[in-house]
Amino acid sequence: RMSLGDRNFRAVDFSIDAIQMLPKIIFQPTM
């Protein structure tokens, strides 16, 4: 789970609904 906040803001708690691995990039000499 992820919690984001700082000294000025109360931490916001996030749950992860979905996660996926993105496909590999097919690199070319110039992109």
PDB file of all heavy atoms in Angstrom:
ATOM      1  N   ARG A   1       0.866  -1.178   0.000  1.00  0.00           N
ATOM      2  CA  ARG A   1       0.000   0.000   0.000  1.00  0.00           C
ATOM      3  C   ARG A   1       0.902   1.227   0.000  1.00  0.00           C
ATOM      4  O   ARG A   1       2.021   1.184   0.513  1.00  0.00           O
ATOM      5  CB  ARG A   1      -0.920   0.023   1.229  1.00  0.00           C
ATOM      6  CG  ARG A   1      -1.929  -1.110   1.250  1.00  0.00           C
ATOM      7  CD  ARG A   1      -2.763  -1.069   2.524  1.00  0.00           C
ATOM      8  NE  ARG A   1      -3.562   0.138   2.609  1.00  0.00           N
ATOM      9  CZ  ARG A   1      -4.794   0.261   2.103  1.00  0.00           C
ATOM     10  NH1 ARG A   1      -5.353  -0.757   1.473  1.00  0.00           N
ATOM     11  NH2 ARG A   1      -5.470   1.384   2.235  1.00  0.00           N
ATOM     12  N   MET A   2       0.414   2.316  -0.558  1.00  0.00           N
ATOM     13  CA  MET A   2       1.221   3.522  -0.666  1.00  0.00           C
ATOM     14  C   MET A   2       0.575   4.651   0.126  1.00  0.00           C
ATOM     15  O   MET A   2      -0.636   4.854   0.075  1.00  0.00           O
ATOM     16  CB  MET A   2       1.375   3.945  -2.134  1.00  0.00           C
ATOM     17  CG  MET A   2       2.259   5.178  -2.316  1.00  0.00           C
ATOM     18  SD  MET A   2       2.654   5.522  -4.058  1.00  0.00           S
ATOM     19  CE  MET A   2       1.037   6.003  -4.674  1.00  0.00           C
ATOM     20  N   SER A   3       1.400   5.386   0.860  1.00  0.00           N
ATOM     21  CA  SER A   3       0.935   6.528   1.637  1.00  0.00           C
ATOM     22  C   SER A   3       1.738   7.750   1.224  1.00  0.00           C
ATOM     23  O   SER A   3       2.970   7.738   1.282  1.00  0.00           O
ATOM     24  CB  SER A   3       1.099   6.256   3.133  1.00  0.00           C
ATOM     25  OG  SER A   3       0.627   7.344   3.899  1.00  0.00           O
ATOM     26  N   LEU A   4       1.039   8.805   0.778  1.00  0.00           N
ATOM     27  CA  LEU A   4       1.704  10.016   0.308  1.00  0.00           C
ATOM     28  C   LEU A   4       1.256  11.207   1.140  1.00  0.00           C
ATOM     29  O   LEU A   4       0.063  11.463   1.301  1.00  0.00           O
ATOM     30  CB  LEU A   4       1.377  10.284  -1.163  1.00  0.00           C
ATOM     31  CG  LEU A   4       1.837   9.246  -2.195  1.00  0.00           C
ATOM     32  CD1 LEU A   4       1.463   9.709  -3.595  1.00  0.00           C
ATOM     33  CD2 LEU A   4       3.324   9.001  -2.092  1.00  0.00           C
ATOM     34  N   GLY A   5       2.224  11.925   1.667  1.00  0.00           N
ATOM     35  CA  GLY A   5       1.925  13.113   2.447  1.00  0.00           C
ATOM     36  C   GLY A   5       3.217  13.812   2.804  1.00  0.00           C
ATOM     37  O   GLY A   5       4.309  13.328   2.516  1.00  0.00           O
ATOM     38  N   ASP A   6       3.107  14.958   3.414  1.00  0.00           N
ATOM     39  CA  ASP A   6       4.285  15.667   3.907  1.00  0.00           C
ATOM     40  C   ASP A   6       3.912  16.425   5.173  1.00  0.00           C
ATOM     41  O   ASP A   6       2.854  16.200   5.762  1.00  0.00           O
ATOM     42  CB  ASP A   6       4.876  16.597   2.841  1.00  0.00           C
ATOM     43  CG  ASP A   6       3.911  17.688   2.392  1.00  0.00           C
ATOM     44  OD1 ASP A   6       2.938  17.971   3.128  1.00  0.00           O
ATOM     45  OD2 ASP A   6       4.129  18.269   1.314  1.00  0.00           O
ATOM     46  N   ARG A   7       4.775  17.323   5.588  1.00  0.00           N
ATOM     47  CA  ARG A   7       4.577  18.039   6.837  1.00  0.00           C
ATOM     48  C   ARG A   7       3.322  18.906   6.815  1.00  0.00           C
ATOM     49  O   ARG A   7       2.716  19.181   7.847  1.00  0.00           O
ATOM     50  CB  ARG A   7       5.814  18.905   7.109  1.00  0.00           C
ATOM     51  CG  ARG A   7       5.869  19.517   8.491  1.00  0.00           C
ATOM     52  CD  ARG A   7       7.205  20.200   8.702  1.00  0.00           C
ATOM     53  NE  ARG A   7       7.311  20.771  10.032  1.00  0.00           N
ATOM     54  CZ  ARG A   7       8.398  21.380  10.493  1.00  0.00           C
ATOM     55  NH1 ARG A   7       9.463  21.481   9.720  1.00  0.00           N
ATOM     56  NH2 ARG A   7       8.429  21.874  11.706  1.00  0.00           N
ATOM     57  N   ASN A   8       2.916  19.316   5.608  1.00  0.00           N
ATOM     58  CA  ASN A   8       1.791  20.240   5.485  1.00  0.00           C
ATOM     59  C   ASN A   8       0.461  19.559   5.176  1.00  0.00           C
ATOM     60  O   ASN A   8      -0.589  20.183   5.281  1.00  0.00           O
ATOM     61  CB  ASN A   8       2.094  21.271   4.388  1.00  0.00           C
ATOM     62  CG  ASN A   8       3.341  22.081   4.693  1.00  0.00           C
ATOM     63  OD1 ASN A   8       3.522  22.563   5.804  1.00  0.00           O
ATOM     64  ND2 ASN A   8       4.210  22.219   3.706  1.00  0.00           N
ATOM     65  N   PHE A   9       0.506  18.278   4.778  1.00  0.00           N
ATOM     66  CA  PHE A   9      -0.711  17.581   4.389  1.00  0.00           C
ATOM     67  C   PHE A   9      -0.791  16.223   5.079  1.00  0.00           C
ATOM     68  O   PHE A   9       0.204  15.505   5.196  1.00  0.00           O
ATOM     69  CB  PHE A   9      -0.760  17.372   2.868  1.00  0.00           C
ATOM     70  CG  PHE A   9      -0.949  18.639   2.085  1.00  0.00           C
ATOM     71  CD1 PHE A   9       0.147  19.357   1.636  1.00  0.00           C
ATOM     72  CD2 PHE A   9      -2.217  19.121   1.808  1.00  0.00           C
ATOM     73  CE1 PHE A   9      -0.015  20.515   0.917  1.00  0.00           C
ATOM     74  CE2 PHE A   9      -2.391  20.287   1.094  1.00  0.00           C
ATOM     75  CZ  PHE A   9      -1.290  20.992   0.641  1.00  0.00           C
ATOM     76  N   ARG A  10      -1.989  15.885   5.514  1.00  0.00           N
ATOM     77  CA  ARG A  10      -2.211  14.567   6.086  1.00  0.00           C
ATOM     78  C   ARG A  10      -1.940  13.513   5.016  1.00  0.00           C
ATOM     79  O   ARG A  10      -2.283  13.680   3.847  1.00  0.00           O
ATOM     80  CB  ARG A  10      -3.649  14.457   6.579  1.00  0.00           C
ATOM     81  CG  ARG A  10      -3.996  13.096   7.178  1.00  0.00           C
ATOM     82  CD  ARG A  10      -5.464  13.009   7.529  1.00  0.00           C
ATOM     83  NE  ARG A  10      -5.839  14.026   8.499  1.00  0.00           N
ATOM     84  CZ  ARG A  10      -7.089  14.233   8.909  1.00  0.00           C
ATOM     85  NH1 ARG A  10      -8.075  13.497   8.407  1.00  0.00           N
ATOM     86  NH2 ARG A  10      -7.351  15.169   9.795  1.00  0.00           N
ATOM     87  N   ALA A  11      -1.323  12.410   5.418  1.00  0.00           N
ATOM     88  CA  ALA A  11      -0.980  11.353   4.469  1.00  0.00           C
ATOM     89  C   ALA A  11      -2.237  10.770   3.826  1.00  0.00           C
ATOM     90  O   ALA A  11      -3.255  10.567   4.489  1.00  0.00           O
ATOM     91  CB  ALA A  11      -0.192  10.250   5.164  1.00  0.00           C
ATOM     92  N   VAL A  12      -2.158  10.548   2.513  1.00  0.00           N
ATOM     93  CA  VAL A  12      -3.244   9.918   1.765  1.00  0.00           C
ATOM     94  C   VAL A  12      -2.861   8.457   1.536  1.00  0.00           C
ATOM     95  O   VAL A  12      -1.792   8.167   0.995  1.00  0.00           O
ATOM     96  CB  VAL A  12      -3.474  10.624   0.411  1.00  0.00           C
ATOM     97  CG1 VAL A  12      -4.591   9.929  -0.363  1.00  0.00           C
ATOM     98  CG2 VAL A  12      -3.797  12.094   0.631  1.00  0.00           C
ATOM     99  N   ASP A  13      -3.717   7.536   1.963  1.00  0.00           N
ATOM    100  CA  ASP A  13      -3.447   6.107   1.824  1.00  0.00           C
ATOM    101  C   ASP A  13      -4.053   5.581   0.531  1.00  0.00           C
ATOM    102  O   ASP A  13      -5.243   5.779   0.255  1.00  0.00           O
ATOM    103  CB  ASP A  13      -4.015   5.332   3.014  1.00  0.00           C
ATOM    104  CG  ASP A  13      -3.304   5.675   4.315  1.00  0.00           C
ATOM    105  OD1 ASP A  13      -2.072   5.876   4.267  1.00  0.00           O
ATOM    106  OD2 ASP A  13      -3.977   5.751   5.358  1.00  0.00           O
ATOM    107  N   PHE A  14      -3.230   4.905  -0.263  1.00  0.00           N
ATOM    108  CA  PHE A  14      -3.658   4.333  -1.533  1.00  0.00           C
ATOM    109  C   PHE A  14      -3.568   2.813  -1.471  1.00  0.00           C
ATOM    110  O   PHE A  14      -2.614   2.248  -0.925  1.00  0.00           O
ATOM    111  CB  PHE A  14      -2.759   4.808  -2.680  1.00  0.00           C
ATOM    112  CG  PHE A  14      -2.923   6.251  -3.038  1.00  0.00           C
ATOM    113  CD1 PHE A  14      -2.147   7.224  -2.414  1.00  0.00           C
ATOM    114  CD2 PHE A  14      -3.832   6.656  -4.002  1.00  0.00           C
ATOM    115  CE1 PHE A  14      -2.277   8.560  -2.739  1.00  0.00           C
ATOM    116  CE2 PHE A  14      -3.968   7.989  -4.334  1.00  0.00           C
ATOM    117  CZ  PHE A  14      -3.196   8.947  -3.707  1.00  0.00           C
ATOM    118  N   SER A  15      -4.575   2.160  -2.039  1.00  0.00           N
ATOM    119  CA  SER A  15      -4.512   0.718  -2.257  1.00  0.00           C
ATOM    120  C   SER A  15      -4.265   0.476  -3.740  1.00  0.00           C
ATOM    121  O   SER A  15      -4.680   1.276  -4.586  1.00  0.00           O
ATOM    122  CB  SER A  15      -5.808   0.038  -1.821  1.00  0.00           C
ATOM    123  OG  SER A  15      -6.913   0.548  -2.556  1.00  0.00           O
ATOM    124  N   ILE A  16      -3.597  -0.605  -4.061  1.00  0.00           N
ATOM    125  CA  ILE A  16      -3.287  -0.922  -5.450  1.00  0.00           C
ATOM    126  C   ILE A  16      -4.399  -1.792  -6.020  1.00  0.00           C
ATOM    127  O   ILE A  16      -4.596  -2.933  -5.600  1.00  0.00           O
ATOM    128  CB  ILE A  16      -1.923  -1.616  -5.561  1.00  0.00           C
ATOM    129  CG1 ILE A  16      -0.827  -0.673  -5.053  1.00  0.00           C
ATOM    130  CG2 ILE A  16      -1.636  -2.036  -7.004  1.00  0.00           C
ATOM    131  CD1 ILE A  16       0.560  -1.258  -5.075  1.00  0.00           C
ATOM    132  N   ASP A  17      -5.133  -1.248  -6.980  1.00  0.00           N
ATOM    133  CA  ASP A  17      -6.254  -1.971  -7.589  1.00  0.00           C
ATOM    134  C   ASP A  17      -5.788  -2.912  -8.687  1.00  0.00           C
ATOM    135  O   ASP A  17      -6.351  -3.994  -8.872  1.00  0.00           O
ATOM    136  CB  ASP A  17      -7.268  -0.981  -8.174  1.00  0.00           C
ATOM    137  CG  ASP A  17      -7.877  -0.080  -7.105  1.00  0.00           C
ATOM    138  OD1 ASP A  17      -7.957  -0.521  -5.936  1.00  0.00           O
ATOM    139  OD2 ASP A  17      -8.255   1.062  -7.430  1.00  0.00           O
ATOM    140  N   ALA A  18      -4.791  -2.494  -9.455  1.00  0.00           N
ATOM    141  CA  ALA A  18      -4.313  -3.319 -10.564  1.00  0.00           C
ATOM    142  C   ALA A  18      -2.872  -2.949 -10.864  1.00  0.00           C
ATOM    143  O   ALA A  18      -2.434  -1.816 -10.615  1.00  0.00           O
ATOM    144  CB  ALA A  18      -5.185  -3.111 -11.804  1.00  0.00           C
ATOM    145  N   ILE A  19      -2.123  -3.922 -11.385  1.00  0.00           N
ATOM    146  CA  ILE A  19      -0.738  -3.704 -11.759  1.00  0.00           C
ATOM    147  C   ILE A  19      -0.436  -4.555 -12.979  1.00  0.00           C
ATOM    148  O   ILE A  19      -0.887  -5.698 -13.078  1.00  0.00           O
ATOM    149  CB  ILE A  19       0.211  -4.049 -10.586  1.00  0.00           C
ATOM    150  CG1 ILE A  19       1.672  -3.807 -10.967  1.00  0.00           C
ATOM    151  CG2 ILE A  19       0.013  -5.469 -10.114  1.00  0.00           C
ATOM    152  CD1 ILE A  19       2.621  -3.944  -9.792  1.00  0.00           C
ATOM    153  N   GLN A  20       0.271  -3.979 -13.912  1.00  0.00           N
ATOM    154  CA  GLN A  20       0.632  -4.743 -15.103  1.00  0.00           C
ATOM    155  C   GLN A  20       2.035  -4.376 -15.559  1.00  0.00           C
ATOM    156  O   GLN A  20       2.488  -3.248 -15.353  1.00  0.00           O
ATOM    157  CB  GLN A  20      -0.359  -4.496 -16.234  1.00  0.00           C
ATOM    158  CG  GLN A  20      -0.396  -3.071 -16.743  1.00  0.00           C
ATOM    159  CD  GLN A  20      -1.278  -2.907 -17.961  1.00  0.00           C
ATOM    160  OE1 GLN A  20      -1.390  -3.821 -18.783  1.00  0.00           O
ATOM    161  NE2 GLN A  20      -1.934  -1.763 -18.092  1.00  0.00           N
ATOM    162  N   MET A  21       2.716  -5.364 -16.151  1.00  0.00           N
ATOM    163  CA  MET A  21       4.016  -5.106 -16.729  1.00  0.00           C
ATOM    164  C   MET A  21       3.810  -4.629 -18.166  1.00  0.00           C
ATOM    165  O   MET A  21       3.149  -5.298 -18.953  1.00  0.00           O
ATOM    166  CB  MET A  21       4.895  -6.357 -16.707  1.00  0.00           C
ATOM    167  CG  MET A  21       6.314  -6.047 -17.125  1.00  0.00           C
ATOM    168  SD  MET A  21       7.480  -7.454 -17.202  1.00  0.00           S
ATOM    169  CE  MET A  21       6.792  -8.638 -16.099  1.00  0.00           C
ATOM    170  N   LEU A  22       4.359  -3.488 -18.488  1.00  0.00           N
ATOM    171  CA  LEU A  22       4.216  -2.944 -19.830  1.00  0.00           C
ATOM    172  C   LEU A  22       5.186  -3.649 -20.782  1.00  0.00           C
ATOM    173  O   LEU A  22       6.252  -4.120 -20.367  1.00  0.00           O
ATOM    174  CB  LEU A  22       4.486  -1.442 -19.811  1.00  0.00           C
ATOM    175  CG  LEU A  22       3.544  -0.619 -18.926  1.00  0.00           C
ATOM    176  CD1 LEU A  22       3.953   0.852 -18.948  1.00  0.00           C
ATOM    177  CD2 LEU A  22       2.099  -0.777 -19.378  1.00  0.00           C
ATOM    178  N   PRO A  23       4.831  -3.736 -22.057  1.00  0.00           N
ATOM    179  CA  PRO A  23       5.700  -4.442 -23.013  1.00  0.00           C
ATOM    180  C   PRO A  23       7.042  -3.745 -23.175  1.00  0.00           C
ATOM    181  O   PRO A  23       7.162  -2.529 -22.968  1.00  0.00           O
ATOM    182  CB  PRO A  23       4.891  -4.402 -24.312  1.00  0.00           C
ATOM    183  CG  PRO A  23       3.943  -3.253 -24.148  1.00  0.00           C
ATOM    184  CD  PRO A  23       3.607  -3.208 -22.690  1.00  0.00           C
ATOM    185  N   LYS A  24       8.035  -4.534 -23.543  1.00  0.00           N
ATOM    186  CA  LYS A  24       9.358  -3.970 -23.778  1.00  0.00           C
ATOM    187  C   LYS A  24       9.319  -3.019 -24.961  1.00  0.00           C
ATOM    188  O   LYS A  24       8.580  -3.229 -25.919  1.00  0.00           O
ATOM    189  CB  LYS A  24      10.367  -5.085 -24.051  1.00  0.00           C
ATOM    190  CG  LYS A  24      10.688  -5.953 -22.848  1.00  0.00           C
ATOM    191  CD  LYS A  24      11.762  -6.970 -23.205  1.00  0.00           C
ATOM    192  CE  LYS A  24      12.137  -7.815 -21.999  1.00  0.00           C
ATOM    193  NZ  LYS A  24      13.181  -8.818 -22.338  1.00  0.00           N
ATOM    194  N   ILE A  25      10.125  -1.983 -24.877  1.00  0.00           N
ATOM    195  CA  ILE A  25      10.229  -1.031 -25.975  1.00  0.00           C
ATOM    196  C   ILE A  25      11.147  -1.620 -27.045  1.00  0.00           C
ATOM    197  O   ILE A  25      12.213  -2.146 -26.736  1.00  0.00           O
ATOM    198  CB  ILE A  25      10.781   0.315 -25.484  1.00  0.00           C
ATOM    199  CG1 ILE A  25       9.834   0.939 -24.469  1.00  0.00           C
ATOM    200  CG2 ILE A  25      11.012   1.270 -26.655  1.00  0.00           C
ATOM    201  CD1 ILE A  25      10.364   2.200 -23.821  1.00  0.00           C
ATOM    202  N   ILE A  26      10.721  -1.556 -28.294  1.00  0.00           N
ATOM    203  CA  ILE A  26      11.568  -1.986 -29.409  1.00  0.00           C
ATOM    204  C   ILE A  26      12.388  -0.783 -29.858  1.00  0.00           C
ATOM    205  O   ILE A  26      11.900   0.101 -30.576  1.00  0.00           O
ATOM    206  CB  ILE A  26      10.721  -2.534 -30.575  1.00  0.00           C
ATOM    207  CG1 ILE A  26       9.767  -3.623 -30.076  1.00  0.00           C
ATOM    208  CG2 ILE A  26      11.631  -3.068 -31.673  1.00  0.00           C
ATOM    209  CD1 ILE A  26      10.467  -4.800 -29.420  1.00  0.00           C
ATOM    210  N   PHE A  27      13.616  -0.732 -29.393  1.00  0.00           N
ATOM    211  CA  PHE A  27      14.449   0.435 -29.662  1.00  0.00           C
ATOM    212  C   PHE A  27      14.968   0.429 -31.096  1.00  0.00           C
ATOM    213  O   PHE A  27      15.235  -0.623 -31.677  1.00  0.00           O
ATOM    214  CB  PHE A  27      15.633   0.486 -28.686  1.00  0.00           C
ATOM    215  CG  PHE A  27      15.243   0.874 -27.294  1.00  0.00           C
ATOM    216  CD1 PHE A  27      15.092  -0.094 -26.306  1.00  0.00           C
ATOM    217  CD2 PHE A  27      15.019   2.198 -26.962  1.00  0.00           C
ATOM    218  CE1 PHE A  27      14.728   0.257 -25.018  1.00  0.00           C
ATOM    219  CE2 PHE A  27      14.652   2.558 -25.676  1.00  0.00           C
ATOM    220  CZ  PHE A  27      14.509   1.584 -24.704  1.00  0.00           C
ATOM    221  N   GLN A  28      15.108   1.628 -31.638  1.00  0.00           N
ATOM    222  CA  GLN A  28      15.698   1.856 -32.952  1.00  0.00           C
ATOM    223  C   GLN A  28      16.891   2.803 -32.778  1.00  0.00           C
ATOM    224  O   GLN A  28      17.002   3.493 -31.754  1.00  0.00           O
ATOM    225  CB  GLN A  28      14.667   2.463 -33.902  1.00  0.00           C
ATOM    226  CG  GLN A  28      13.418   1.629 -34.088  1.00  0.00           C
ATOM    227  CD  GLN A  28      13.697   0.280 -34.724  1.00  0.00           C
ATOM    228  OE1 GLN A  28      14.615   0.155 -35.548  1.00  0.00           O
ATOM    229  NE2 GLN A  28      12.936  -0.739 -34.339  1.00  0.00           N
ATOM    230  N   PRO A  29      17.803   2.835 -33.743  1.00  0.00           N
ATOM    231  CA  PRO A  29      18.982   3.711 -33.602  1.00  0.00           C
ATOM    232  C   PRO A  29      18.621   5.174 -33.357  1.00  0.00           C
ATOM    233  O   PRO A  29      19.282   5.861 -32.591  1.00  0.00           O
ATOM    234  CB  PRO A  29      19.712   3.532 -34.940  1.00  0.00           C
ATOM    235  CG  PRO A  29      19.333   2.164 -35.390  1.00  0.00           C
ATOM    236  CD  PRO A  29      17.895   1.990 -34.958  1.00  0.00           C
ATOM    237  N   THR A  30      17.538   5.650 -33.974  1.00  0.00           N
ATOM    238  CA  THR A  30      17.072   7.016 -33.748  1.00  0.00           C
ATOM    239  C   THR A  30      15.614   6.969 -33.313  1.00  0.00           C
ATOM    240  O   THR A  30      14.786   6.353 -33.985  1.00  0.00           O
ATOM    241  CB  THR A  30      17.206   7.885 -35.001  1.00  0.00           C
ATOM    242  OG1 THR A  30      18.592   7.987 -35.362  1.00  0.00           O
ATOM    243  CG2 THR A  30      16.655   9.289 -34.755  1.00  0.00           C
ATOM    244  N   MET A  31      15.315   7.578 -32.164  1.00  0.00           N
ATOM    245  CA  MET A  31      13.945   7.586 -31.647  1.00  0.00           C
ATOM    246  C   MET A  31      13.634   8.940 -31.025  1.00  0.00           C
ATOM    247  O   MET A  31      14.546   9.683 -30.642  1.00  0.00           O
ATOM    248  CB  MET A  31      13.757   6.473 -30.597  1.00  0.00           C
ATOM    249  CG  MET A  31      13.888   5.076 -31.152  1.00  0.00           C
ATOM    250  SD  MET A  31      13.578   3.780 -29.922  1.00  0.00           S
ATOM    251  CE  MET A  31      11.812   4.007 -29.636  1.00  0.00           C
TER     252      MET A  31
END
